N, C-alpha and C. Protein backbone atom coordinates (compact mmCIF):
# COMPACT_ATOMS: atom_id res chain seq x y z
N MET A 1 -0.94 -37.24 36.90
CA MET A 1 -0.14 -36.05 36.56
C MET A 1 -0.96 -34.79 36.81
N ASP A 2 -0.46 -33.91 37.62
CA ASP A 2 -1.14 -32.66 37.96
C ASP A 2 -0.94 -31.64 36.84
N TRP A 3 -2.03 -31.25 36.20
CA TRP A 3 -1.94 -30.33 35.06
C TRP A 3 -1.99 -28.86 35.47
N SER A 4 -2.24 -28.59 36.74
CA SER A 4 -2.38 -27.19 37.16
C SER A 4 -1.13 -26.35 36.92
N PRO A 5 0.10 -26.89 37.10
CA PRO A 5 1.28 -26.08 36.77
C PRO A 5 1.35 -25.69 35.30
N PHE A 6 0.90 -26.59 34.41
CA PHE A 6 0.91 -26.26 32.98
C PHE A 6 -0.14 -25.21 32.65
N ILE A 7 -1.32 -25.35 33.26
CA ILE A 7 -2.38 -24.36 33.04
C ILE A 7 -1.91 -22.99 33.50
N LEU A 8 -1.27 -22.95 34.67
CA LEU A 8 -0.76 -21.69 35.20
C LEU A 8 0.35 -21.14 34.31
N THR A 9 1.20 -22.02 33.79
CA THR A 9 2.29 -21.60 32.92
C THR A 9 1.76 -20.97 31.65
N PHE A 10 0.81 -21.61 31.00
CA PHE A 10 0.27 -21.07 29.75
C PHE A 10 -0.55 -19.81 29.99
N LYS A 11 -1.21 -19.74 31.13
CA LYS A 11 -1.92 -18.52 31.50
C LYS A 11 -0.94 -17.37 31.66
N LEU A 12 0.16 -17.63 32.35
CA LEU A 12 1.20 -16.61 32.54
C LEU A 12 1.80 -16.19 31.21
N ALA A 13 2.07 -17.16 30.33
CA ALA A 13 2.67 -16.86 29.04
C ALA A 13 1.73 -16.04 28.16
N CYS A 14 0.45 -16.37 28.18
CA CYS A 14 -0.53 -15.63 27.37
C CYS A 14 -0.67 -14.19 27.83
N ILE A 15 -0.83 -13.99 29.14
CA ILE A 15 -1.00 -12.64 29.68
C ILE A 15 0.26 -11.82 29.45
N THR A 16 1.42 -12.43 29.70
CA THR A 16 2.69 -11.73 29.52
C THR A 16 2.88 -11.31 28.07
N THR A 17 2.60 -12.21 27.13
CA THR A 17 2.78 -11.92 25.71
C THR A 17 1.83 -10.81 25.26
N LEU A 18 0.59 -10.86 25.71
CA LEU A 18 -0.39 -9.83 25.33
C LEU A 18 0.02 -8.46 25.85
N LEU A 19 0.36 -8.38 27.12
CA LEU A 19 0.74 -7.09 27.70
C LEU A 19 2.05 -6.58 27.10
N LEU A 20 3.00 -7.49 26.86
CA LEU A 20 4.26 -7.09 26.25
C LEU A 20 4.05 -6.54 24.85
N GLY A 21 3.13 -7.15 24.11
CA GLY A 21 2.84 -6.66 22.76
C GLY A 21 2.31 -5.24 22.77
N LEU A 22 1.41 -4.95 23.69
CA LEU A 22 0.84 -3.61 23.79
C LEU A 22 1.89 -2.57 24.14
N ILE A 23 2.82 -2.95 25.01
CA ILE A 23 3.86 -2.01 25.45
C ILE A 23 5.00 -1.92 24.44
N SER A 24 5.38 -3.06 23.87
CA SER A 24 6.59 -3.12 23.04
C SER A 24 6.43 -2.47 21.67
N ILE A 25 5.23 -2.49 21.11
CA ILE A 25 5.05 -1.92 19.77
C ILE A 25 5.41 -0.43 19.74
N PRO A 26 4.86 0.41 20.62
CA PRO A 26 5.29 1.82 20.59
C PRO A 26 6.75 2.02 20.97
N VAL A 27 7.25 1.20 21.91
CA VAL A 27 8.66 1.31 22.29
C VAL A 27 9.55 0.95 21.11
N ALA A 28 9.22 -0.13 20.41
CA ALA A 28 10.01 -0.55 19.26
C ALA A 28 9.97 0.49 18.14
N TYR A 29 8.83 1.12 17.96
CA TYR A 29 8.71 2.17 16.95
C TYR A 29 9.64 3.34 17.28
N TRP A 30 9.68 3.71 18.55
CA TRP A 30 10.56 4.80 18.96
C TRP A 30 12.03 4.42 18.81
N LEU A 31 12.36 3.19 19.16
CA LEU A 31 13.74 2.73 19.02
C LEU A 31 14.16 2.63 17.56
N ALA A 32 13.21 2.29 16.70
CA ALA A 32 13.54 2.11 15.28
C ALA A 32 13.68 3.44 14.55
N TYR A 33 12.85 4.41 14.91
CA TYR A 33 12.81 5.66 14.14
C TYR A 33 13.11 6.91 14.96
N GLY A 34 13.22 6.78 16.27
CA GLY A 34 13.45 7.95 17.10
C GLY A 34 14.84 8.54 16.92
N LYS A 35 14.96 9.80 17.24
CA LYS A 35 16.24 10.52 17.09
C LYS A 35 16.82 10.93 18.44
N SER A 36 16.20 10.48 19.53
CA SER A 36 16.65 10.89 20.85
C SER A 36 18.04 10.35 21.16
N LYS A 37 18.82 11.14 21.88
CA LYS A 37 20.17 10.71 22.27
C LYS A 37 20.13 9.63 23.35
N PHE A 38 18.96 9.44 23.95
CA PHE A 38 18.81 8.41 24.98
C PHE A 38 18.42 7.06 24.39
N ARG A 39 18.28 6.99 23.08
CA ARG A 39 17.83 5.74 22.46
C ARG A 39 18.82 4.60 22.69
N THR A 40 20.10 4.87 22.53
CA THR A 40 21.12 3.83 22.71
C THR A 40 21.15 3.34 24.15
N ILE A 41 21.04 4.27 25.10
CA ILE A 41 21.02 3.89 26.52
C ILE A 41 19.80 3.03 26.81
N THR A 42 18.66 3.43 26.23
CA THR A 42 17.43 2.66 26.44
C THR A 42 17.56 1.25 25.90
N GLU A 43 18.15 1.12 24.72
CA GLU A 43 18.35 -0.21 24.13
C GLU A 43 19.24 -1.08 25.03
N ALA A 44 20.26 -0.47 25.59
CA ALA A 44 21.17 -1.22 26.47
C ALA A 44 20.45 -1.67 27.74
N ILE A 45 19.62 -0.81 28.30
CA ILE A 45 18.87 -1.16 29.51
C ILE A 45 17.88 -2.27 29.23
N LEU A 46 17.16 -2.16 28.11
CA LEU A 46 16.17 -3.17 27.75
C LEU A 46 16.81 -4.52 27.46
N GLY A 47 18.06 -4.50 27.02
CA GLY A 47 18.74 -5.74 26.68
C GLY A 47 19.43 -6.43 27.85
N MET A 48 19.42 -5.81 29.02
CA MET A 48 20.12 -6.39 30.17
C MET A 48 19.60 -7.77 30.57
N PRO A 49 18.29 -8.05 30.47
CA PRO A 49 17.83 -9.41 30.80
C PRO A 49 18.46 -10.50 29.94
N LEU A 50 19.01 -10.13 28.79
CA LEU A 50 19.66 -11.13 27.94
C LEU A 50 20.98 -11.62 28.52
N VAL A 51 21.62 -10.81 29.34
CA VAL A 51 22.96 -11.16 29.85
C VAL A 51 22.99 -11.33 31.36
N LEU A 52 22.06 -10.74 32.08
CA LEU A 52 22.05 -10.87 33.53
C LEU A 52 21.50 -12.24 33.94
N PRO A 53 22.04 -12.84 34.98
CA PRO A 53 21.44 -14.08 35.51
C PRO A 53 20.00 -13.80 35.96
N PRO A 54 19.08 -14.70 35.65
CA PRO A 54 17.68 -14.48 36.06
C PRO A 54 17.52 -14.27 37.56
N THR A 55 18.38 -14.90 38.35
CA THR A 55 18.27 -14.75 39.80
C THR A 55 18.59 -13.32 40.25
N VAL A 56 19.45 -12.64 39.51
CA VAL A 56 19.76 -11.25 39.84
C VAL A 56 18.52 -10.38 39.64
N ILE A 57 17.88 -10.56 38.49
CA ILE A 57 16.65 -9.80 38.21
C ILE A 57 15.58 -10.15 39.24
N GLY A 58 15.42 -11.44 39.50
CA GLY A 58 14.42 -11.87 40.47
C GLY A 58 14.69 -11.33 41.86
N PHE A 59 15.95 -11.27 42.25
CA PHE A 59 16.30 -10.77 43.58
C PHE A 59 15.91 -9.31 43.74
N TYR A 60 16.27 -8.48 42.75
CA TYR A 60 15.95 -7.06 42.87
C TYR A 60 14.45 -6.79 42.73
N LEU A 61 13.77 -7.61 41.96
CA LEU A 61 12.32 -7.47 41.89
C LEU A 61 11.68 -7.86 43.22
N LEU A 62 12.24 -8.89 43.86
CA LEU A 62 11.73 -9.30 45.16
C LEU A 62 11.90 -8.18 46.18
N LEU A 63 13.05 -7.51 46.16
CA LEU A 63 13.27 -6.38 47.06
C LEU A 63 12.30 -5.24 46.74
N ALA A 64 12.09 -4.99 45.45
CA ALA A 64 11.19 -3.89 45.05
C ALA A 64 9.74 -4.18 45.41
N PHE A 65 9.34 -5.45 45.32
CA PHE A 65 7.95 -5.81 45.59
C PHE A 65 7.66 -6.00 47.07
N GLY A 66 8.69 -6.15 47.89
CA GLY A 66 8.49 -6.39 49.32
C GLY A 66 7.86 -5.20 50.02
N ASN A 67 7.16 -5.46 51.09
CA ASN A 67 6.47 -4.40 51.83
C ASN A 67 7.43 -3.41 52.49
N GLN A 68 8.70 -3.80 52.65
CA GLN A 68 9.67 -2.92 53.28
C GLN A 68 10.22 -1.87 52.32
N SER A 69 10.03 -2.07 51.01
CA SER A 69 10.52 -1.09 50.03
C SER A 69 9.51 0.02 49.84
N LEU A 70 9.96 1.13 49.27
CA LEU A 70 9.05 2.25 49.02
C LEU A 70 7.95 1.87 48.04
N LEU A 71 8.35 1.20 46.94
CA LEU A 71 7.36 0.81 45.93
C LEU A 71 6.41 -0.24 46.47
N GLY A 72 6.96 -1.30 47.06
CA GLY A 72 6.11 -2.37 47.57
C GLY A 72 5.20 -1.91 48.69
N GLY A 73 5.74 -1.06 49.59
CA GLY A 73 4.92 -0.54 50.67
C GLY A 73 3.80 0.35 50.17
N TRP A 74 4.11 1.19 49.17
CA TRP A 74 3.08 2.08 48.61
C TRP A 74 1.98 1.28 47.91
N LEU A 75 2.38 0.27 47.12
CA LEU A 75 1.40 -0.56 46.41
C LEU A 75 0.51 -1.30 47.40
N ASN A 76 1.10 -1.79 48.47
CA ASN A 76 0.33 -2.56 49.45
C ASN A 76 -0.59 -1.67 50.27
N ASN A 77 -0.08 -0.52 50.71
CA ASN A 77 -0.87 0.36 51.58
C ASN A 77 -1.89 1.18 50.82
N THR A 78 -1.55 1.57 49.59
CA THR A 78 -2.43 2.44 48.82
C THR A 78 -3.40 1.67 47.94
N LEU A 79 -2.89 0.69 47.21
CA LEU A 79 -3.72 -0.03 46.25
C LEU A 79 -4.10 -1.43 46.70
N GLY A 80 -3.52 -1.85 47.82
CA GLY A 80 -3.81 -3.19 48.30
C GLY A 80 -3.18 -4.28 47.47
N LEU A 81 -2.11 -3.96 46.76
CA LEU A 81 -1.43 -4.94 45.90
C LEU A 81 -0.20 -5.49 46.61
N HIS A 82 -0.14 -6.79 46.69
CA HIS A 82 1.02 -7.46 47.27
C HIS A 82 1.62 -8.32 46.17
N LEU A 83 2.70 -7.82 45.55
CA LEU A 83 3.23 -8.47 44.35
C LEU A 83 4.18 -9.61 44.65
N ALA A 84 4.88 -9.55 45.76
CA ALA A 84 5.80 -10.63 46.09
C ALA A 84 5.01 -11.92 46.36
N PHE A 85 5.46 -13.02 45.76
CA PHE A 85 4.83 -14.33 45.92
C PHE A 85 3.35 -14.30 45.54
N SER A 86 3.09 -13.69 44.38
CA SER A 86 1.73 -13.65 43.84
C SER A 86 1.80 -13.80 42.33
N PHE A 87 0.67 -14.16 41.72
CA PHE A 87 0.64 -14.32 40.27
C PHE A 87 0.86 -12.99 39.57
N SER A 88 0.33 -11.91 40.14
CA SER A 88 0.54 -10.59 39.55
C SER A 88 2.02 -10.24 39.50
N GLY A 89 2.74 -10.59 40.56
CA GLY A 89 4.19 -10.37 40.58
C GLY A 89 4.90 -11.18 39.52
N LEU A 90 4.42 -12.42 39.29
CA LEU A 90 5.00 -13.25 38.22
C LEU A 90 4.82 -12.59 36.86
N VAL A 91 3.65 -12.01 36.63
CA VAL A 91 3.39 -11.36 35.34
C VAL A 91 4.36 -10.20 35.12
N ILE A 92 4.52 -9.35 36.13
CA ILE A 92 5.43 -8.21 35.99
C ILE A 92 6.87 -8.68 35.80
N GLY A 93 7.28 -9.66 36.59
CA GLY A 93 8.63 -10.18 36.45
C GLY A 93 8.87 -10.81 35.09
N SER A 94 7.88 -11.55 34.60
CA SER A 94 8.00 -12.19 33.29
C SER A 94 8.05 -11.15 32.17
N MET A 95 7.30 -10.08 32.33
CA MET A 95 7.33 -9.03 31.31
C MET A 95 8.71 -8.38 31.23
N ILE A 96 9.30 -8.12 32.38
CA ILE A 96 10.63 -7.51 32.41
C ILE A 96 11.67 -8.46 31.81
N TYR A 97 11.58 -9.74 32.20
CA TYR A 97 12.58 -10.70 31.75
C TYR A 97 12.43 -11.04 30.27
N SER A 98 11.22 -11.02 29.75
CA SER A 98 10.98 -11.38 28.35
C SER A 98 10.91 -10.18 27.42
N PHE A 99 11.06 -8.99 27.95
CA PHE A 99 10.92 -7.78 27.14
C PHE A 99 11.83 -7.78 25.90
N PRO A 100 13.11 -8.13 26.02
CA PRO A 100 13.98 -8.11 24.83
C PRO A 100 13.50 -9.05 23.73
N PHE A 101 12.89 -10.16 24.11
CA PHE A 101 12.45 -11.14 23.12
C PHE A 101 11.24 -10.64 22.34
N MET A 102 10.56 -9.65 22.88
CA MET A 102 9.45 -9.04 22.16
C MET A 102 9.90 -7.81 21.39
N VAL A 103 10.67 -6.94 22.02
CA VAL A 103 10.94 -5.64 21.42
C VAL A 103 11.99 -5.71 20.32
N TYR A 104 13.02 -6.54 20.46
CA TYR A 104 14.10 -6.55 19.47
C TYR A 104 13.66 -7.08 18.10
N PRO A 105 12.87 -8.15 18.00
CA PRO A 105 12.36 -8.55 16.68
C PRO A 105 11.49 -7.47 16.05
N LEU A 106 10.74 -6.73 16.88
CA LEU A 106 9.92 -5.65 16.34
C LEU A 106 10.77 -4.51 15.81
N VAL A 107 11.81 -4.15 16.55
CA VAL A 107 12.72 -3.09 16.10
C VAL A 107 13.35 -3.48 14.76
N SER A 108 13.81 -4.72 14.67
CA SER A 108 14.41 -5.20 13.44
C SER A 108 13.41 -5.18 12.28
N GLY A 109 12.18 -5.61 12.56
CA GLY A 109 11.15 -5.60 11.52
C GLY A 109 10.81 -4.20 11.06
N PHE A 110 10.68 -3.26 11.98
CA PHE A 110 10.38 -1.88 11.61
C PHE A 110 11.51 -1.26 10.79
N ARG A 111 12.74 -1.53 11.18
CA ARG A 111 13.88 -0.94 10.47
C ARG A 111 14.06 -1.52 9.07
N ASN A 112 13.56 -2.72 8.85
CA ASN A 112 13.69 -3.36 7.54
C ASN A 112 12.66 -2.88 6.53
N ILE A 113 11.69 -2.11 6.98
CA ILE A 113 10.70 -1.55 6.05
C ILE A 113 11.36 -0.46 5.23
N PRO A 114 11.31 -0.54 3.89
CA PRO A 114 11.97 0.47 3.06
C PRO A 114 11.50 1.89 3.39
N LEU A 115 12.44 2.81 3.38
CA LEU A 115 12.11 4.21 3.67
C LEU A 115 11.10 4.76 2.66
N SER A 116 11.14 4.26 1.44
CA SER A 116 10.23 4.74 0.40
C SER A 116 8.77 4.49 0.77
N PHE A 117 8.50 3.44 1.54
CA PHE A 117 7.13 3.16 1.94
C PHE A 117 6.58 4.29 2.80
N ARG A 118 7.38 4.71 3.76
CA ARG A 118 6.95 5.78 4.66
C ARG A 118 6.91 7.13 3.94
N GLU A 119 7.89 7.35 3.08
CA GLU A 119 7.92 8.60 2.32
C GLU A 119 6.71 8.72 1.40
N SER A 120 6.28 7.60 0.83
CA SER A 120 5.09 7.63 -0.03
C SER A 120 3.86 8.05 0.76
N GLY A 121 3.76 7.56 2.00
CA GLY A 121 2.63 7.95 2.83
C GLY A 121 2.66 9.42 3.15
N ARG A 122 3.84 9.96 3.41
CA ARG A 122 3.94 11.40 3.70
C ARG A 122 3.59 12.24 2.48
N VAL A 123 4.01 11.78 1.32
CA VAL A 123 3.69 12.51 0.08
C VAL A 123 2.18 12.57 -0.13
N LEU A 124 1.51 11.49 0.26
CA LEU A 124 0.05 11.44 0.12
C LEU A 124 -0.67 12.19 1.23
N GLY A 125 0.09 12.81 2.12
CA GLY A 125 -0.51 13.62 3.18
C GLY A 125 -0.97 12.83 4.38
N LYS A 126 -0.48 11.61 4.55
CA LYS A 126 -0.87 10.78 5.69
C LYS A 126 -0.12 11.22 6.95
N SER A 127 -0.80 11.15 8.08
CA SER A 127 -0.15 11.47 9.35
C SER A 127 0.76 10.33 9.76
N GLU A 128 1.66 10.59 10.71
CA GLU A 128 2.57 9.55 11.17
C GLU A 128 1.80 8.38 11.80
N LEU A 129 0.72 8.70 12.50
CA LEU A 129 -0.09 7.65 13.10
C LEU A 129 -0.75 6.79 12.02
N ASN A 130 -1.22 7.46 10.96
CA ASN A 130 -1.84 6.75 9.85
C ASN A 130 -0.83 5.87 9.13
N ILE A 131 0.38 6.39 8.96
CA ILE A 131 1.44 5.61 8.33
C ILE A 131 1.79 4.39 9.17
N PHE A 132 1.79 4.59 10.48
CA PHE A 132 2.11 3.48 11.39
C PHE A 132 1.09 2.35 11.26
N TYR A 133 -0.20 2.71 11.28
CA TYR A 133 -1.25 1.69 11.26
C TYR A 133 -1.44 1.05 9.89
N HIS A 134 -1.27 1.82 8.83
CA HIS A 134 -1.60 1.32 7.49
C HIS A 134 -0.39 0.93 6.65
N ILE A 135 0.80 1.27 7.08
CA ILE A 135 1.99 0.91 6.31
C ILE A 135 2.97 0.08 7.14
N ILE A 136 3.34 0.58 8.30
CA ILE A 136 4.37 -0.10 9.09
C ILE A 136 3.86 -1.42 9.68
N LEU A 137 2.72 -1.40 10.36
CA LEU A 137 2.23 -2.63 10.98
C LEU A 137 1.89 -3.73 9.97
N PRO A 138 1.18 -3.41 8.87
CA PRO A 138 0.89 -4.47 7.89
C PRO A 138 2.14 -5.09 7.27
N ASN A 139 3.21 -4.31 7.17
CA ASN A 139 4.45 -4.83 6.59
C ASN A 139 5.39 -5.42 7.65
N SER A 140 4.89 -5.54 8.87
CA SER A 140 5.71 -6.10 9.95
C SER A 140 5.05 -7.34 10.56
N LYS A 141 4.17 -7.98 9.81
CA LYS A 141 3.44 -9.13 10.35
C LYS A 141 4.39 -10.25 10.77
N GLN A 142 5.41 -10.49 9.98
CA GLN A 142 6.35 -11.56 10.31
C GLN A 142 7.11 -11.24 11.59
N ALA A 143 7.53 -10.00 11.75
CA ALA A 143 8.23 -9.61 12.97
C ALA A 143 7.30 -9.68 14.18
N LEU A 144 6.06 -9.29 14.01
CA LEU A 144 5.09 -9.36 15.10
C LEU A 144 4.86 -10.80 15.54
N LEU A 145 4.71 -11.70 14.56
CA LEU A 145 4.48 -13.10 14.88
C LEU A 145 5.70 -13.71 15.58
N THR A 146 6.88 -13.42 15.04
CA THR A 146 8.10 -13.95 15.64
C THR A 146 8.28 -13.45 17.06
N ALA A 147 8.05 -12.16 17.28
CA ALA A 147 8.20 -11.57 18.62
C ALA A 147 7.23 -12.20 19.60
N ALA A 148 5.98 -12.37 19.17
CA ALA A 148 4.97 -12.94 20.07
C ALA A 148 5.30 -14.38 20.44
N ILE A 149 5.71 -15.18 19.46
CA ILE A 149 5.99 -16.58 19.73
C ILE A 149 7.24 -16.74 20.59
N LEU A 150 8.27 -15.96 20.30
CA LEU A 150 9.50 -16.05 21.09
C LEU A 150 9.23 -15.64 22.55
N SER A 151 8.44 -14.58 22.74
CA SER A 151 8.11 -14.15 24.09
C SER A 151 7.30 -15.20 24.83
N PHE A 152 6.35 -15.79 24.11
CA PHE A 152 5.52 -16.83 24.71
C PHE A 152 6.37 -18.03 25.13
N ALA A 153 7.23 -18.48 24.21
CA ALA A 153 8.08 -19.64 24.50
C ALA A 153 9.07 -19.35 25.62
N HIS A 154 9.62 -18.14 25.63
CA HIS A 154 10.59 -17.78 26.66
C HIS A 154 9.93 -17.73 28.04
N THR A 155 8.71 -17.23 28.10
CA THR A 155 7.99 -17.18 29.37
C THR A 155 7.70 -18.58 29.89
N ILE A 156 7.38 -19.49 28.99
CA ILE A 156 7.12 -20.87 29.41
C ILE A 156 8.34 -21.47 30.10
N GLY A 157 9.53 -21.14 29.61
CA GLY A 157 10.74 -21.74 30.14
C GLY A 157 11.39 -20.99 31.29
N GLU A 158 10.78 -19.93 31.78
CA GLU A 158 11.38 -19.15 32.86
C GLU A 158 11.47 -19.98 34.14
N PHE A 159 12.55 -19.76 34.87
CA PHE A 159 12.73 -20.45 36.14
C PHE A 159 13.25 -19.53 37.24
N GLY A 160 14.43 -18.93 37.02
CA GLY A 160 15.08 -18.15 38.06
C GLY A 160 14.24 -16.99 38.55
N VAL A 161 13.67 -16.24 37.63
CA VAL A 161 12.88 -15.07 38.01
C VAL A 161 11.62 -15.48 38.77
N VAL A 162 10.90 -16.46 38.23
CA VAL A 162 9.64 -16.86 38.87
C VAL A 162 9.90 -17.53 40.22
N LEU A 163 11.02 -18.22 40.35
CA LEU A 163 11.34 -18.84 41.65
C LEU A 163 11.62 -17.77 42.70
N MET A 164 12.35 -16.73 42.33
CA MET A 164 12.74 -15.70 43.27
C MET A 164 11.55 -14.87 43.75
N ILE A 165 10.68 -14.50 42.82
CA ILE A 165 9.58 -13.60 43.20
C ILE A 165 8.26 -14.32 43.45
N GLY A 166 8.18 -15.59 43.04
CA GLY A 166 6.92 -16.30 43.19
C GLY A 166 6.96 -17.46 44.17
N GLY A 167 8.13 -18.06 44.32
CA GLY A 167 8.21 -19.21 45.20
C GLY A 167 7.54 -20.42 44.59
N ASN A 168 6.90 -21.21 45.42
CA ASN A 168 6.31 -22.48 44.99
C ASN A 168 4.95 -22.66 45.65
N ILE A 169 4.02 -21.79 45.30
CA ILE A 169 2.67 -21.82 45.89
C ILE A 169 1.72 -22.49 44.90
N PRO A 170 1.14 -23.65 45.24
CA PRO A 170 0.24 -24.34 44.33
C PRO A 170 -0.92 -23.46 43.88
N ASN A 171 -1.21 -23.55 42.56
CA ASN A 171 -2.31 -22.81 41.92
C ASN A 171 -2.15 -21.29 41.97
N GLU A 172 -0.98 -20.83 42.39
CA GLU A 172 -0.74 -19.39 42.46
C GLU A 172 0.57 -19.02 41.75
N THR A 173 1.65 -19.67 42.11
CA THR A 173 2.95 -19.36 41.49
C THR A 173 3.71 -20.61 41.07
N ARG A 174 3.15 -21.79 41.30
CA ARG A 174 3.86 -23.05 40.97
C ARG A 174 3.68 -23.38 39.49
N VAL A 175 4.50 -22.75 38.67
CA VAL A 175 4.46 -23.01 37.23
C VAL A 175 5.21 -24.30 36.93
N ALA A 176 5.22 -24.71 35.66
CA ALA A 176 5.78 -26.01 35.29
C ALA A 176 7.26 -26.13 35.62
N SER A 177 8.03 -25.08 35.34
CA SER A 177 9.47 -25.15 35.60
C SER A 177 9.75 -25.31 37.09
N ILE A 178 8.95 -24.69 37.94
CA ILE A 178 9.11 -24.83 39.39
C ILE A 178 8.71 -26.23 39.83
N ALA A 179 7.67 -26.77 39.21
CA ALA A 179 7.23 -28.12 39.55
C ALA A 179 8.31 -29.14 39.21
N ILE A 180 8.98 -28.96 38.07
CA ILE A 180 10.06 -29.87 37.68
C ILE A 180 11.19 -29.80 38.71
N TYR A 181 11.57 -28.60 39.09
CA TYR A 181 12.62 -28.42 40.10
C TYR A 181 12.22 -29.09 41.42
N ASP A 182 10.95 -28.94 41.79
CA ASP A 182 10.46 -29.52 43.03
C ASP A 182 10.54 -31.04 42.99
N TYR A 183 10.18 -31.64 41.85
CA TYR A 183 10.25 -33.09 41.73
C TYR A 183 11.69 -33.59 41.75
N VAL A 184 12.59 -32.85 41.13
CA VAL A 184 14.00 -33.24 41.16
C VAL A 184 14.54 -33.17 42.58
N GLU A 185 14.16 -32.12 43.29
CA GLU A 185 14.60 -31.97 44.68
C GLU A 185 14.13 -33.12 45.56
N SER A 186 12.95 -33.64 45.27
CA SER A 186 12.41 -34.76 46.05
C SER A 186 12.79 -36.11 45.45
N LEU A 187 13.69 -36.09 44.44
CA LEU A 187 14.20 -37.30 43.78
C LEU A 187 13.12 -38.08 43.03
N ASN A 188 12.05 -37.38 42.66
CA ASN A 188 11.00 -38.00 41.86
C ASN A 188 11.31 -37.76 40.38
N TYR A 189 12.31 -38.47 39.89
CA TYR A 189 12.78 -38.24 38.52
C TYR A 189 11.77 -38.65 37.47
N SER A 190 10.95 -39.63 37.79
CA SER A 190 9.95 -40.09 36.83
C SER A 190 8.96 -38.98 36.50
N MET A 191 8.45 -38.31 37.54
CA MET A 191 7.49 -37.23 37.31
C MET A 191 8.18 -36.02 36.69
N ALA A 192 9.42 -35.74 37.12
CA ALA A 192 10.16 -34.63 36.52
C ALA A 192 10.38 -34.88 35.03
N ASN A 193 10.61 -36.14 34.67
CA ASN A 193 10.80 -36.48 33.26
C ASN A 193 9.52 -36.27 32.46
N ARG A 194 8.38 -36.62 33.02
CA ARG A 194 7.10 -36.41 32.33
C ARG A 194 6.84 -34.93 32.06
N TYR A 195 7.05 -34.12 33.08
CA TYR A 195 6.84 -32.68 32.93
C TYR A 195 7.82 -32.11 31.91
N SER A 196 9.07 -32.56 31.98
CA SER A 196 10.10 -32.03 31.08
C SER A 196 9.81 -32.41 29.64
N LEU A 197 9.41 -33.65 29.42
CA LEU A 197 9.10 -34.10 28.06
C LEU A 197 7.93 -33.31 27.46
N PHE A 198 6.93 -33.04 28.30
CA PHE A 198 5.79 -32.27 27.80
C PHE A 198 6.21 -30.86 27.41
N LEU A 199 7.00 -30.21 28.27
CA LEU A 199 7.48 -28.87 27.95
C LEU A 199 8.40 -28.89 26.74
N LEU A 200 9.22 -29.92 26.62
CA LEU A 200 10.10 -30.06 25.47
C LEU A 200 9.30 -30.14 24.19
N GLY A 201 8.24 -30.93 24.20
CA GLY A 201 7.40 -31.06 23.01
C GLY A 201 6.69 -29.77 22.66
N VAL A 202 6.19 -29.07 23.66
CA VAL A 202 5.47 -27.82 23.41
C VAL A 202 6.40 -26.75 22.83
N THR A 203 7.56 -26.57 23.45
CA THR A 203 8.48 -25.54 22.97
C THR A 203 9.04 -25.88 21.59
N PHE A 204 9.27 -27.18 21.32
CA PHE A 204 9.74 -27.58 19.99
C PHE A 204 8.68 -27.26 18.94
N PHE A 205 7.42 -27.54 19.25
CA PHE A 205 6.35 -27.25 18.31
C PHE A 205 6.21 -25.76 18.06
N ILE A 206 6.37 -24.95 19.12
CA ILE A 206 6.28 -23.50 18.98
C ILE A 206 7.39 -22.97 18.07
N LEU A 207 8.62 -23.38 18.32
CA LEU A 207 9.75 -22.91 17.51
C LEU A 207 9.66 -23.44 16.09
N LEU A 208 9.20 -24.66 15.93
CA LEU A 208 9.03 -25.22 14.59
C LEU A 208 8.01 -24.41 13.80
N SER A 209 6.96 -23.95 14.48
CA SER A 209 5.95 -23.13 13.83
C SER A 209 6.54 -21.81 13.34
N VAL A 210 7.43 -21.20 14.16
CA VAL A 210 8.07 -19.95 13.76
C VAL A 210 8.90 -20.15 12.50
N TYR A 211 9.73 -21.19 12.49
CA TYR A 211 10.59 -21.44 11.34
C TYR A 211 9.77 -21.78 10.10
N PHE A 212 8.68 -22.52 10.29
CA PHE A 212 7.83 -22.89 9.16
C PHE A 212 7.17 -21.67 8.55
N VAL A 213 6.62 -20.81 9.40
CA VAL A 213 5.96 -19.60 8.89
C VAL A 213 6.96 -18.68 8.20
N ASN A 214 8.14 -18.49 8.82
CA ASN A 214 9.15 -17.63 8.21
C ASN A 214 9.63 -18.16 6.87
N ARG A 215 9.84 -19.47 6.80
CA ARG A 215 10.30 -20.05 5.53
C ARG A 215 9.22 -19.95 4.46
N LYS A 216 7.96 -20.14 4.85
CA LYS A 216 6.86 -20.06 3.89
C LYS A 216 6.72 -18.66 3.35
N ARG A 217 6.88 -17.65 4.21
CA ARG A 217 6.74 -16.26 3.78
C ARG A 217 7.94 -15.81 2.94
N ASN A 218 9.08 -16.42 3.20
CA ASN A 218 10.28 -16.05 2.43
C ASN A 218 10.38 -16.82 1.11
N GLY A 219 9.38 -17.67 0.88
CA GLY A 219 9.38 -18.44 -0.36
C GLY A 219 10.19 -19.71 -0.27
């Protein structure tokens, strides 16, 4: 059994989850407490990966990353980055596709923090940044954990997006879901079953951990 697709899958999931966390926390804070009239539009745009077919997202990302596009051509000619059919392209595509799974639990967690907590910080003369770090984040640990695990698990199971922008390049873009598809295409059901069972066990354990932690914290 070739373990390289699993190693690549978990590497992709770890990098995607880490980068999404760094980006999603300030975005979620703005969505939770911002007063901008563009907030609703932004929420709708960020939620599109939840309803769009993954192949649609993958197709437009493939066009954007290609050397014939303005973005892809500029990245290739200026920075030497070729995102189509590369691991870097998989990371960007995975971040876009998994963004709702990270940002929405955070928004919900931030909004559930009682207003009195933030008002108490303001009364004590704390800055908004200080309130964020010492009041909002410590009281959002459950939301942070849930968002991270859901994003990690969702990235592991991605197929349409990674197939469209990554293809099936061994040790570069051939993640576990692509390997399973490849084995099914070649009628190697035995190997496809082994890969599927392993992914099934991993994702079940991840989701079980989320439910266990949430139930324990809720008493």
